[in-house]
Amino acid sequence: MITRAMSPATTVDEFVESKVLPEFRPIVAAIRSLMKECAPDAQEVINYGIPTYGLKRPLAWINPSKTGVTFGFREGVNFEDRYHLLRGTAKHAKHVRMKNLGEVNEAALKYYITQAVNLDKR
């Protein structure tokens, strides 16, 4: 019997359809919408096997798993965090973890995305 490996997703839409569990797709859709609103010039591509956003440098990424969605920021360690949602122990990156649509804090995510864009412009 010959089996075929699933071909890598070539677009973010294909990635979402094939790699994101149905219960987490609304979270990913909300993040994508906020990125388009707050960083309209950022390119949305599949990089390192996940959706990423970038201008001059990478800004952010969406990493779905079996238990939720992580929305990460390359320079998150440099953000002001008045919402206290950023997590992570990496040298530069920080992330927000969401398990359901109710945990998508639009005001906080817009605040973080705006900071990512502003840091990229420096």
Protein backbone atom coordinates (compact mmCIF):
# COMPACT_ATOMS: atom_id res chain seq x y z
CA MET A 1 0.00 0.00 0.00
CA ILE A 2 1.35 3.41 -0.96
CA THR A 3 0.53 6.36 1.27
CA ARG A 4 1.00 9.96 0.36
CA ALA A 5 2.15 12.59 2.76
CA MET A 6 -0.07 15.61 2.98
CA SER A 7 1.42 18.37 0.86
CA PRO A 8 2.38 21.50 2.76
CA ALA A 9 -0.20 24.26 2.85
CA THR A 10 0.65 26.96 0.35
CA THR A 11 -1.71 29.62 1.65
CA VAL A 12 -2.89 30.58 5.10
CA ASP A 13 -6.46 29.70 4.11
CA GLU A 14 -5.34 26.17 3.19
CA PHE A 15 -3.36 25.93 6.42
CA VAL A 16 -6.38 26.90 8.50
CA GLU A 17 -8.60 24.40 6.68
CA SER A 18 -6.16 21.51 6.98
CA LYS A 19 -4.19 22.15 10.19
CA VAL A 20 -6.40 24.07 12.62
CA LEU A 21 -8.97 22.14 14.63
CA PRO A 22 -12.51 23.38 13.83
CA GLU A 23 -13.10 24.65 17.37
CA PHE A 24 -10.05 26.94 17.08
CA ARG A 25 -10.73 28.36 13.61
CA PRO A 26 -12.80 31.29 14.97
CA ILE A 27 -9.81 32.32 17.10
CA VAL A 28 -7.50 32.20 14.09
CA ALA A 29 -10.05 34.14 12.02
CA ALA A 30 -10.25 36.84 14.70
CA ILE A 31 -6.45 37.15 14.87
CA ARG A 32 -6.16 37.34 11.08
CA SER A 33 -8.82 40.05 10.98
CA LEU A 34 -7.04 42.09 13.66
CA MET A 35 -3.73 41.75 11.80
CA LYS A 36 -5.35 43.02 8.59
CA GLU A 37 -6.88 45.93 10.48
CA CYS A 38 -3.84 46.94 12.56
CA ALA A 39 -1.00 45.94 10.22
CA PRO A 40 -2.49 46.16 6.72
CA ASP A 41 0.94 46.25 5.06
CA ALA A 42 2.21 43.12 6.81
CA GLN A 43 2.64 40.10 4.58
CA GLU A 44 0.75 37.00 5.67
CA VAL A 45 2.64 33.85 4.66
CA ILE A 46 3.34 30.33 5.79
CA ASN A 47 6.83 30.32 7.26
CA TYR A 48 8.32 27.57 9.43
CA GLY A 49 5.07 25.68 8.86
CA ILE A 50 2.78 28.26 10.49
CA PRO A 51 1.12 31.56 9.51
CA THR A 52 3.51 34.46 10.02
CA TYR A 53 3.31 38.21 9.50
CA GLY A 54 6.10 40.53 8.57
CA LEU A 55 7.09 43.94 7.36
CA LYS A 56 10.85 44.60 7.39
CA ARG A 57 11.23 41.74 9.87
CA PRO A 58 8.89 39.10 11.26
CA LEU A 59 6.24 40.67 13.51
CA ALA A 60 3.99 37.89 14.69
CA TRP A 61 2.83 34.33 14.14
CA ILE A 62 -0.14 32.09 14.80
CA ASN A 63 0.64 28.66 16.18
CA PRO A 64 -2.38 26.38 16.66
CA SER A 65 -2.15 23.20 18.68
CA LYS A 66 -4.52 20.53 19.97
CA THR A 67 -5.28 22.63 23.06
CA GLY A 68 -5.51 26.20 21.77
CA VAL A 69 -3.92 28.93 19.71
CA THR A 70 -0.74 30.84 20.49
CA PHE A 71 -0.34 34.32 18.97
CA GLY A 72 3.33 35.22 19.27
CA PHE A 73 5.28 38.44 18.83
CA ARG A 74 8.94 38.48 17.83
CA GLU A 75 9.80 41.51 19.97
CA GLY A 76 7.21 40.94 22.69
CA VAL A 77 9.76 41.34 25.46
CA ASN A 78 9.94 45.04 24.48
CA PHE A 79 6.18 45.63 24.68
CA GLU A 80 4.36 47.50 27.39
CA ASP A 81 1.91 44.97 28.80
CA ARG A 82 -0.88 46.85 30.50
CA TYR A 83 -3.22 43.88 29.89
CA HIS A 84 -0.83 41.38 31.51
CA LEU A 85 -1.53 38.72 28.88
CA LEU A 86 1.96 38.24 27.44
CA ARG A 87 3.70 35.01 28.41
CA GLY A 88 6.94 33.26 27.59
CA THR A 89 10.51 32.95 28.71
CA ALA A 90 12.27 33.44 25.38
CA LYS A 91 14.96 36.10 25.04
CA HIS A 92 12.81 38.27 22.73
CA ALA A 93 9.47 36.67 21.90
CA LYS A 94 6.31 36.73 23.98
CA HIS A 95 2.90 35.26 23.24
CA VAL A 96 -0.77 35.24 24.14
CA ARG A 97 -2.51 31.88 24.50
CA MET A 98 -6.23 31.45 23.74
CA LYS A 99 -8.46 28.37 24.08
CA ASN A 100 -11.79 29.84 22.98
CA LEU A 101 -13.19 32.89 21.23
CA GLY A 102 -14.13 34.44 24.58
CA GLU A 103 -10.42 34.67 25.43
CA VAL A 104 -9.71 36.83 22.36
CA ASN A 105 -9.20 40.25 23.93
CA GLU A 106 -9.41 42.48 20.86
CA ALA A 107 -8.28 45.64 22.64
CA ALA A 108 -5.20 43.89 24.04
CA LEU A 109 -4.31 42.22 20.74
CA LYS A 110 -4.66 45.51 18.84
CA TYR A 111 -2.41 47.12 21.46
CA TYR A 112 0.24 44.41 21.00
CA ILE A 113 0.01 44.40 17.19
CA THR A 114 0.41 48.19 17.09
CA GLN A 115 3.51 47.93 19.27
CA ALA A 116 4.95 45.24 16.97
CA VAL A 117 4.43 47.46 13.93
CA ASN A 118 5.92 50.51 15.67
CA LEU A 119 9.00 48.55 16.77
CA ASP A 120 9.47 47.32 13.21
CA LYS A 121 9.47 50.91 11.91
CA ARG A 122 12.41 51.88 14.13
